[in-house]
């Protein structure tokens, strides 16, 4: 007879019956409350009237700034001290992870002592996050000033402006590091290893009620948009769960154990390979690279050289998140980065050598390098649907917008309310909820709760 799964209510009751898990949940909620409180503290030097006018315009609901606003927890639209969220730290992580396989000395350091290698990578993630936060702050300020006039007045590093500009820059950089510190506190004292993800998750969830209200406030299409949103949410959540849980179980034979004078039979096992091993990283990385030309061009849009000014204007017009070219490039880059980042992570795992050390073997495949080559080919094949899925998720706002326009529905509420949590944001929400519950389930098992006890 199949074992009955525990109900959600019974599962939650067992969670809160454990004093240790209850304490971790309360600590996590408390730190998230502090983060949301700090997110409402504005950065110095902001022209609030100009910022409010910009965020209420139709351009502010566009997808270019919407993705940044989502990652920062909805703080870009208010230009708070935490307006960059933990995004610079994530970018620093990506850079360090990409440098490790490129530089042989770093790769040897990580492979020889994985624990010390992880500590080294974490240390340099913090070091690199500081200049990344400062550069992101400068780029973000120039981008807003170029799109909506002087949001921050004054800003520039001339003789009479460098003190207020440096104050704004240091305040925003410190806000980013404060958000990173809160995330690390959650990982250490709250839900283990989920700090940064929960920081982003809290910002996305906090925006959802307002987005739904924006849909309902549309007198013409409010009900239609709400129904479409619910349908899209249900279908997207189902597909995300299927893809994220997708595994290819490669059969592996583990050697038997010697017990006295006898040798036990080899043990059959499996090596699960994930369909989407890269997670959200390709979306973030592709978005960052597409934003980079726009941020750089904002410095040259008033250039006296005609060619430079025209090139800057072209980047501002075509890569601002509203044109077709942007979404085509976004799809291609997400798919390409999914394969690239999966290859980087897979090579770091070094399954061939690890299986060889324990004496395990894939039936019909030689140990060592041939095993690694075989597994790499299998991983590449199963990554294709995962990469296409991430690419589809990335361009879903554009596809939905085109469909709505085809039916004559084109309103600001559909952009501001529907797009910001039907694709990338929803992928983050579902992934964080899944990882958090898996983490809590592992904690429950460590505390002696068995599946059979959870269903009684």
Protein backbone atom coordinates (compact mmCIF):
# COMPACT_ATOMS: atom_id res chain seq x y z
CA UNK A 1 0.00 0.00 0.00
CA UNK A 2 1.38 3.40 -0.97
CA UNK A 3 2.41 5.60 1.92
CA UNK A 4 0.19 8.59 2.44
CA UNK A 5 1.78 12.01 2.10
CA UNK A 6 1.60 14.33 5.12
CA UNK A 7 -0.97 17.10 4.91
CA UNK A 8 0.16 20.72 4.86
CA UNK A 9 -1.51 21.48 8.20
CA UNK A 10 0.12 18.47 9.90
CA UNK A 11 3.44 19.35 8.32
CA UNK A 12 3.25 22.94 9.61
CA UNK A 13 2.24 21.73 13.07
CA UNK A 14 5.33 19.54 13.29
CA UNK A 15 7.45 22.47 12.10
CA UNK A 16 6.28 24.74 14.92
CA UNK A 17 6.42 21.93 17.51
CA UNK A 18 10.19 21.85 17.04
CA UNK A 19 11.67 24.60 19.22
CA UNK A 20 14.83 24.93 17.11
CA UNK A 21 12.96 25.20 13.80
CA UNK A 22 10.41 27.58 15.34
CA UNK A 23 13.24 29.82 16.55
CA UNK A 24 14.86 29.82 13.10
CA UNK A 25 11.56 30.73 11.43
CA UNK A 26 10.96 33.61 13.88
CA UNK A 27 14.52 34.89 13.40
CA UNK A 28 14.06 34.76 9.62
CA UNK A 29 10.77 36.66 9.75
CA UNK A 30 12.27 39.26 12.09
CA UNK A 31 15.26 39.92 9.82
CA UNK A 32 13.00 40.13 6.76
CA UNK A 33 10.87 42.70 8.62
CA UNK A 34 14.03 44.75 9.29
CA UNK A 35 14.94 44.53 5.60
CA UNK A 36 11.52 45.77 4.50
CA UNK A 37 11.70 48.59 7.04
CA UNK A 38 15.15 49.67 5.80
CA UNK A 39 13.90 49.45 2.20
CA UNK A 40 11.70 52.49 2.86
CA UNK A 41 14.62 54.72 3.90
CA UNK A 42 15.34 57.03 0.92
CA UNK A 43 18.83 57.69 -0.37
CA UNK A 44 20.11 61.26 0.16
CA UNK A 45 19.79 63.83 -2.60
CA UNK A 46 16.60 62.45 -4.20
CA UNK A 47 14.09 64.71 -5.93
CA UNK A 48 11.01 62.86 -4.67
CA UNK A 49 8.56 64.80 -6.87
CA UNK A 50 10.48 63.88 -10.04
CA UNK A 51 10.87 60.28 -8.91
CA UNK A 52 7.17 59.89 -8.16
CA UNK A 53 6.24 61.37 -11.53
CA UNK A 54 8.60 58.95 -13.25
CA UNK A 55 7.45 55.82 -11.42
CA UNK A 56 3.81 56.62 -12.12
CA UNK A 57 4.42 57.02 -15.84
CA UNK A 58 3.97 54.17 -18.25
CA UNK A 59 7.72 53.91 -18.82
CA UNK A 60 8.31 53.15 -15.16
CA UNK A 61 6.20 50.05 -15.52
CA UNK A 62 8.35 48.84 -18.39
CA UNK A 63 10.25 45.63 -18.22
CA UNK A 64 13.77 47.06 -18.30
CA UNK A 65 13.60 48.66 -14.86
CA UNK A 66 11.01 46.12 -13.69
CA UNK A 67 13.52 43.28 -13.51
CA UNK A 68 15.95 45.43 -11.49
CA UNK A 69 13.10 46.54 -9.24
CA UNK A 70 12.15 42.89 -8.70
CA UNK A 71 15.68 41.81 -7.78
CA UNK A 72 16.08 44.75 -5.39
CA UNK A 73 12.83 43.99 -3.59
CA UNK A 74 10.83 46.86 -5.05
CA UNK A 75 13.29 49.46 -3.77
CA UNK A 76 14.39 50.94 -7.09
CA UNK A 77 10.99 52.56 -7.62
CA UNK A 78 11.49 54.43 -4.33
CA UNK A 79 15.27 54.86 -4.75
CA UNK A 80 15.96 53.81 -1.18
CA UNK A 81 19.30 53.05 0.44
CA UNK A 82 18.69 49.40 -0.50
CA UNK A 83 17.74 50.18 -4.09
CA UNK A 84 20.36 47.77 -5.45
CA UNK A 85 19.34 44.99 -3.07
CA UNK A 86 21.78 42.06 -3.11
CA UNK A 87 22.23 42.23 -6.86
CA UNK A 88 25.93 43.35 -6.75
CA UNK A 89 26.77 40.38 -4.52
CA UNK A 90 25.05 37.99 -6.94
CA UNK A 91 27.02 39.55 -9.81
CA UNK A 92 30.24 39.13 -7.80
CA UNK A 93 29.39 35.46 -7.21
CA UNK A 94 28.88 34.92 -10.93
CA UNK A 95 32.18 36.61 -11.79
CA UNK A 96 34.15 34.55 -9.25
CA UNK A 97 32.51 31.29 -10.38
CA UNK A 98 33.36 32.07 -14.00
CA UNK A 99 36.97 33.01 -13.18
CA UNK A 100 37.71 29.74 -11.35
CA UNK A 101 37.67 27.44 -14.44
CA UNK A 102 39.38 30.10 -16.57
CA UNK A 103 42.41 30.60 -14.27
CA UNK A 104 44.22 27.24 -13.72
CA UNK A 105 45.73 28.29 -10.37
CA UNK A 106 42.28 29.06 -8.95
CA UNK A 107 40.85 25.83 -10.29
CA UNK A 108 43.64 23.78 -8.67
CA UNK A 109 43.09 25.61 -5.38
CA UNK A 110 39.38 24.77 -5.37
CA UNK A 111 39.87 21.13 -6.45
CA UNK A 112 42.70 20.33 -3.99
CA UNK A 113 40.78 21.52 -0.92
CA UNK A 114 37.09 22.18 -1.71
CA UNK A 115 36.31 23.48 1.80
CA UNK A 116 39.12 26.04 1.80
CA UNK A 117 38.28 26.85 -1.82
CA UNK A 118 34.70 27.72 -0.86
CA UNK A 119 35.93 29.92 1.99
CA UNK A 120 38.27 31.72 -0.41
CA UNK A 121 35.46 32.26 -2.92
CA UNK A 122 33.09 33.58 -0.21
CA UNK A 123 35.76 36.02 1.03
CA UNK A 124 36.37 37.43 -2.44
CA UNK A 125 32.64 37.59 -3.11
CA UNK A 126 32.42 40.16 -0.30
CA UNK A 127 35.49 42.06 -1.50
CA UNK A 128 34.20 42.24 -5.07
CA UNK A 129 30.66 43.14 -4.00
CA UNK A 130 31.81 46.56 -2.70
CA UNK A 131 33.17 47.96 -6.01
CA UNK A 132 30.32 46.26 -7.89
CA UNK A 133 27.84 48.06 -5.61
CA UNK A 134 29.56 51.40 -6.17
CA UNK A 135 29.61 50.93 -9.96
CA UNK A 136 25.97 49.82 -9.96
CA UNK A 137 25.00 52.89 -7.93
CA UNK A 138 26.71 55.26 -10.39
CA UNK A 139 25.16 53.48 -13.35
CA UNK A 140 21.71 53.39 -11.76
CA UNK A 141 21.79 57.11 -10.93
CA UNK A 142 22.93 58.05 -14.45
CA UNK A 143 20.33 55.74 -15.97
CA UNK A 144 17.49 57.30 -14.01
CA UNK A 145 18.74 60.81 -14.74
CA UNK A 146 18.93 60.02 -18.45
CA UNK A 147 15.43 58.50 -18.58
CA UNK A 148 13.54 60.88 -16.32
CA UNK A 149 15.58 64.05 -15.95
CA UNK A 150 17.37 64.96 -12.75
CA UNK A 151 16.15 62.41 -10.19
CA UNK A 152 19.22 63.03 -8.05
CA UNK A 153 20.21 66.69 -7.96
CA UNK A 154 23.07 67.39 -7.94
CA UNK A 155 25.25 64.40 -8.92
CA UNK A 156 28.72 64.54 -10.42
CA UNK A 157 32.34 64.50 -9.33
CA UNK A 158 33.26 68.10 -10.10
CA UNK A 159 34.83 70.50 -7.65
CA UNK A 160 31.52 71.72 -6.20
CA UNK A 161 29.52 68.47 -6.41
CA UNK A 162 31.86 65.73 -5.22
CA UNK A 163 30.90 65.90 -1.52
CA UNK A 164 27.10 65.40 -1.94
CA UNK A 165 27.70 62.90 -4.76
CA UNK A 166 30.16 60.90 -2.66
CA UNK A 167 27.66 60.94 0.22
CA UNK A 168 24.93 59.48 -2.00
CA UNK A 169 27.33 56.89 -3.43
CA UNK A 170 28.61 55.75 -0.03
CA UNK A 171 25.08 55.60 1.40
CA UNK A 172 23.80 53.38 -1.44
CA UNK A 173 26.89 51.14 -1.29
CA UNK A 174 26.48 50.79 2.48
CA UNK A 175 22.80 49.96 1.99
CA UNK A 176 23.70 47.12 -0.37
CA UNK A 177 26.24 45.69 2.08
CA UNK A 178 23.65 46.00 4.87
CA UNK A 179 21.18 43.95 2.79
CA UNK A 180 23.89 41.34 2.14
CA UNK A 181 24.66 41.22 5.87
CA UNK A 182 20.98 40.65 6.67
CA UNK A 183 20.93 37.79 4.16
CA UNK A 184 23.97 36.21 5.77
CA UNK A 185 22.33 36.53 9.21
CA UNK A 186 19.33 34.58 7.89
CA UNK A 187 21.62 31.88 6.48
CA UNK A 188 23.48 31.60 9.79
CA UNK A 189 20.74 31.98 12.40
CA UNK A 190 17.55 31.42 10.41
CA UNK A 191 16.76 29.21 7.43
CA UNK A 192 20.15 27.76 6.59
CA UNK A 193 21.63 28.80 3.25
CA UNK A 194 18.52 30.69 2.12
CA UNK A 195 19.33 34.24 3.23
CA UNK A 196 19.94 36.04 -0.06
CA UNK A 197 17.14 34.13 -1.80
CA UNK A 198 14.66 35.06 0.93
CA UNK A 199 15.71 38.74 0.71
CA UNK A 200 14.80 38.76 -2.98
CA UNK A 201 11.70 36.64 -2.30
CA UNK A 202 10.43 39.11 0.32
CA UNK A 203 10.63 42.00 -2.13
CA UNK A 204 8.76 40.15 -4.87
CA UNK A 205 5.99 38.96 -2.55
CA UNK A 206 5.66 42.46 -1.06
CA UNK A 207 4.91 43.85 -4.54
CA UNK A 208 2.28 41.27 -5.47
CA UNK A 209 -0.71 42.81 -3.62
CA UNK A 210 -0.01 46.20 -5.19
CA UNK A 211 0.27 44.64 -8.64
CA UNK A 212 -3.05 42.86 -8.20
CA UNK A 213 -4.66 46.13 -7.11
CA UNK A 214 -3.27 47.79 -10.24
CA UNK A 215 -5.09 45.16 -12.28
CA UNK A 216 -8.38 45.64 -10.45
CA UNK A 217 -8.15 49.43 -10.70
CA UNK A 218 -8.39 49.19 -14.48
CA UNK A 219 -12.07 49.94 -15.09
CA UNK A 220 -12.05 48.56 -18.64
CA UNK A 221 -9.96 45.39 -18.47
CA UNK A 222 -9.53 44.81 -14.72
CA UNK A 223 -11.54 41.58 -14.44
CA UNK A 224 -10.17 40.19 -17.71
CA UNK A 225 -6.58 40.87 -16.66
CA UNK A 226 -7.19 39.31 -13.24
CA UNK A 227 -8.55 36.10 -14.82
CA UNK A 228 -5.65 35.98 -17.29
CA UNK A 229 -3.20 36.50 -14.44
CA UNK A 230 -4.65 33.65 -12.36
CA UNK A 231 -4.54 31.27 -15.34
CA UNK A 232 -0.97 32.25 -16.22
CA UNK A 233 0.11 31.93 -12.59
CA UNK A 234 -1.35 28.43 -12.27
CA UNK A 235 0.16 27.17 -15.55
CA UNK A 236 3.53 28.79 -14.91
CA UNK A 237 3.81 27.40 -11.38
CA UNK A 238 3.00 23.90 -12.66
CA UNK A 239 5.60 24.08 -15.46
CA UNK A 240 8.23 25.58 -13.13
CA UNK A 241 7.77 22.76 -10.62
CA UNK A 242 7.97 20.10 -13.35
CA UNK A 243 11.15 21.56 -14.86
CA UNK A 244 12.84 22.38 -11.55
CA UNK A 245 12.15 18.89 -10.19
CA UNK A 246 13.19 17.21 -13.44
CA UNK A 247 16.03 14.70 -13.05
CA UNK A 248 17.80 12.17 -15.28
CA UNK A 249 18.82 9.26 -13.06
CA UNK A 250 22.00 7.72 -14.50
CA UNK A 251 22.51 4.12 -13.23
CA UNK A 252 25.69 3.62 -11.18
CA UNK A 253 27.15 0.42 -9.70
CA UNK A 254 28.84 0.92 -6.33
CA UNK A 255 31.36 -1.72 -5.11
CA UNK A 256 30.32 -4.17 -2.42
CA UNK A 257 31.62 -3.97 1.12
CA UNK A 258 33.91 -6.54 2.71
CA UNK A 259 32.40 -8.11 5.84
CA UNK A 260 34.94 -10.47 7.37
CA UNK A 261 35.96 -13.01 4.77
CA UNK A 262 32.97 -12.30 2.56
CA UNK A 263 32.35 -9.59 -0.02
CA UNK A 264 28.85 -8.26 -0.44
CA UNK A 265 27.26 -7.88 -3.86
CA UNK A 266 27.71 -4.59 -5.75
CA UNK A 267 25.02 -2.03 -4.95
CA UNK A 268 22.89 -0.48 -7.66
CA UNK A 269 22.40 3.25 -7.37
CA UNK A 270 21.65 6.32 -9.46
CA UNK A 271 23.33 9.65 -10.10
CA UNK A 272 20.60 12.32 -10.55
CA UNK A 273 21.40 15.01 -13.13
CA UNK A 274 19.20 18.12 -13.02
CA UNK A 275 17.34 19.38 -16.08
CA UNK A 276 17.82 22.97 -14.90
CA UNK A 277 21.13 22.98 -13.08
CA UNK A 278 21.76 26.70 -13.61
CA UNK A 279 18.63 27.94 -11.80
CA UNK A 280 17.99 31.69 -12.12
CA UNK A 281 21.63 32.63 -12.81
CA UNK A 282 21.33 32.81 -16.65
CA UNK A 283 18.38 35.21 -16.37
CA UNK A 284 20.30 37.48 -14.01
CA UNK A 285 23.53 37.32 -16.02
CA UNK A 286 21.87 37.95 -19.40
CA UNK A 287 19.88 40.84 -17.95
CA UNK A 288 23.03 42.37 -16.46
CA UNK A 289 24.90 42.21 -19.78
CA UNK A 290 21.98 43.74 -21.67
CA UNK A 291 21.73 46.55 -19.13
CA UNK A 292 25.46 47.28 -19.31
CA UNK A 293 25.40 49.00 -22.78
CA UNK A 294 22.44 51.14 -21.72
CA UNK A 295 24.15 52.20 -18.50
CA UNK A 296 27.40 53.00 -20.34
CA UNK A 297 25.58 54.87 -23.11
CA UNK A 298 23.93 57.10 -20.50
CA UNK A 299 27.37 58.70 -19.94
CA UNK A 300 27.72 59.62 -23.64
CA UNK A 301 24.24 60.67 -24.73
CA UNK A 302 25.23 64.37 -24.55
CA UNK A 303 28.56 63.86 -26.29
CA UNK A 304 29.67 66.54 -28.74
CA UNK A 305 30.79 63.85 -31.18
CA UNK A 306 27.85 63.06 -33.45
CA UNK A 307 28.71 59.39 -33.93
CA UNK A 308 29.08 58.75 -30.19
CA UNK A 309 25.83 60.59 -29.38
CA UNK A 310 23.93 58.68 -32.08
CA UNK A 311 25.32 55.34 -30.88
CA UNK A 312 24.31 56.17 -27.31
CA UNK A 313 20.82 57.15 -28.48
CA UNK A 314 20.52 53.87 -30.44
CA UNK A 315 21.39 51.78 -27.37
CA UNK A 316 18.95 53.79 -25.26
CA UNK A 317 16.15 53.29 -27.79
CA UNK A 318 16.69 49.62 -28.72
CA UNK A 319 17.93 48.01 -25.50
CA UNK A 320 15.63 49.71 -23.01
CA UNK A 321 13.42 46.65 -22.55
CA UNK A 322 10.55 47.75 -24.78
CA UNK A 323 11.79 46.85 -28.28
CA UNK A 324 11.68 43.51 -30.07
CA UNK A 325 15.47 43.41 -30.48
CA UNK A 326 15.95 43.46 -26.72
CA UNK A 327 13.74 40.40 -26.20
CA UNK A 328 15.32 38.45 -29.08
CA UNK A 329 18.79 39.07 -27.64
CA UNK A 330 17.50 38.27 -24.16
CA UNK A 331 16.17 34.86 -25.26
CA UNK A 332 19.38 33.95 -27.13
CA UNK A 333 21.63 35.04 -24.26
CA UNK A 334 19.58 33.20 -21.61
CA UNK A 335 19.75 29.95 -23.59
CA UNK A 336 23.48 30.39 -24.28
CA UNK A 337 24.31 31.28 -20.67
CA UNK A 338 22.28 28.31 -19.41
CA UNK A 339 24.52 25.93 -21.35
CA UNK A 340 27.66 27.87 -20.42
CA UNK A 341 26.92 28.12 -16.69
CA UNK A 342 25.76 24.48 -16.51
CA UNK A 343 29.04 23.41 -18.11
CA UNK A 344 31.02 25.46 -15.58
CA UNK A 345 29.14 23.98 -12.62
CA UNK A 346 29.28 20.45 -14.02
CA UNK A 347 33.04 20.59 -14.59
CA UNK A 348 33.53 21.80 -11.01
CA UNK A 349 31.65 18.74 -9.70
CA UNK A 350 34.13 16.40 -11.48
CA UNK A 351 31.84 13.37 -11.26
CA UNK A 352 34.21 11.12 -13.20
CA UNK A 353 37.08 11.38 -10.69
CA UNK A 354 34.75 11.34 -7.67
CA UNK A 355 33.07 8.11 -8.81
CA UNK A 356 36.49 6.60 -9.59
CA UNK A 357 37.75 7.34 -6.05
CA UNK A 358 34.91 5.36 -4.45
CA UNK A 359 35.21 2.55 -6.99
CA UNK A 360 31.81 3.25 -8.61
CA UNK A 361 31.19 2.78 -12.32
CA UNK A 362 28.48 3.46 -14.85
CA UNK A 363 27.66 0.16 -16.59
CA UNK A 364 29.42 -0.02 -19.96
CA UNK A 365 31.51 3.14 -19.37
CA UNK A 366 35.16 3.15 -18.27
CA UNK A 367 36.05 4.95 -15.07
CA UNK A 368 37.62 8.41 -14.90
CA UNK A 369 37.73 10.67 -17.96
CA UNK A 370 35.37 8.51 -20.12
CA UNK A 371 32.75 8.66 -17.34
CA UNK A 372 33.08 12.44 -17.10
CA UNK A 373 32.77 12.76 -20.88
CA UNK A 374 29.68 10.52 -20.97
CA UNK A 375 27.98 12.38 -18.11
CA UNK A 376 28.80 15.73 -19.70
CA UNK A 377 27.12 14.64 -22.94
CA UNK A 378 24.03 13.45 -21.05
CA UNK A 379 23.91 16.71 -19.08
CA UNK A 380 24.10 18.74 -22.30
CA UNK A 381 21.18 16.80 -23.81
CA UNK A 382 18.89 17.22 -20.81
CA UNK A 383 19.91 20.89 -20.42
CA UNK A 384 18.29 21.76 -23.75
CA UNK A 385 14.67 21.71 -22.46
CA UNK A 386 15.79 23.53 -19.31
CA UNK A 387 17.53 26.23 -21.38
CA UNK A 388 14.53 26.69 -23.68
CA UNK A 389 12.28 26.87 -20.62
CA UNK A 390 14.39 29.63 -19.06
CA UNK A 391 14.44 31.48 -22.38
CA UNK A 392 10.65 31.26 -22.59
CA UNK A 393 10.35 32.48 -19.00
CA UNK A 394 12.61 35.42 -19.83
CA UNK A 395 10.53 36.62 -22.78
CA UNK A 396 7.12 35.76 -21.33
CA UNK A 397 6.33 39.44 -20.51
CA UNK A 398 6.93 40.37 -24.16
CA UNK A 399 4.86 37.45 -25.47
CA UNK A 400 1.97 38.23 -23.10
CA UNK A 401 2.11 41.89 -24.10
CA UNK A 402 1.89 41.00 -27.78
CA UNK A 403 -1.05 38.67 -27.15
CA UNK A 404 -2.88 41.33 -25.14
CA UNK A 405 -2.25 43.90 -27.86
CA UNK A 406 -3.66 41.44 -30.39
CA UNK A 407 -6.91 41.43 -28.41
CA UNK A 408 -6.88 45.21 -28.10
CA UNK A 409 -5.76 45.25 -24.46
CA UNK A 410 -2.87 47.64 -23.95
CA UNK A 411 -2.88 49.46 -20.64
CA UNK A 412 -0.35 50.61 -18.07
CA UNK A 413 -1.89 48.31 -15.47
CA UNK A 414 -1.22 45.24 -17.59
CA UNK A 415 2.45 46.20 -17.78
CA UNK A 416 2.91 47.21 -14.16
CA UNK A 417 0.74 44.54 -12.59
CA UNK A 418 0.93 41.51 -14.85
CA UNK A 419 4.51 41.42 -16.11
CA UNK A 420 6.43 41.81 -12.87
CA UNK A 421 5.45 38.49 -11.34
CA UNK A 422 4.40 36.14 -14.11
CA UNK A 423 7.83 35.00 -15.27
CA UNK A 424 11.19 35.67 -13.68
CA UNK A 425 9.73 36.77 -10.36
CA UNK A 426 7.45 33.75 -10.18
CA UNK A 427 10.39 31.45 -10.97
CA UNK A 428 12.26 32.93 -8.00
CA UNK A 429 9.24 32.64 -5.70
CA UNK A 430 8.55 28.99 -6.55
CA UNK A 431 12.24 28.09 -6.35
CA UNK A 432 12.73 29.76 -2.97
CA UNK A 433 9.58 28.19 -1.49
CA UNK A 434 10.65 24.76 -2.73
CA UNK A 435 14.21 25.09 -1.42
CA UNK A 436 12.98 26.47 1.93
CA UNK A 437 10.58 23.58 2.51
CA UNK A 438 13.25 21.06 1.50
CA UNK A 439 15.59 22.73 4.00
CA UNK A 440 12.96 22.57 6.74
CA UNK A 441 12.17 18.94 5.91
CA UNK A 442 15.87 18.07 6.28
CA UNK A 443 15.89 19.85 9.65
CA UNK A 444 12.82 17.88 10.73
CA UNK A 445 14.51 14.60 9.86
CA UNK A 446 17.61 15.65 11.81
CA UNK A 447 15.35 16.22 14.82
CA UNK A 448 13.98 12.68 14.56
CA UNK A 449 10.74 13.32 12.66
CA UNK A 450 10.10 10.43 10.28
CA UNK A 451 7.72 10.46 7.32
CA UNK A 452 5.66 7.83 9.09
CA UNK A 453 5.30 10.13 12.09
CA UNK A 454 4.29 13.09 9.95
CA UNK A 455 1.24 11.26 8.58
CA UNK A 456 -0.13 10.03 11.90
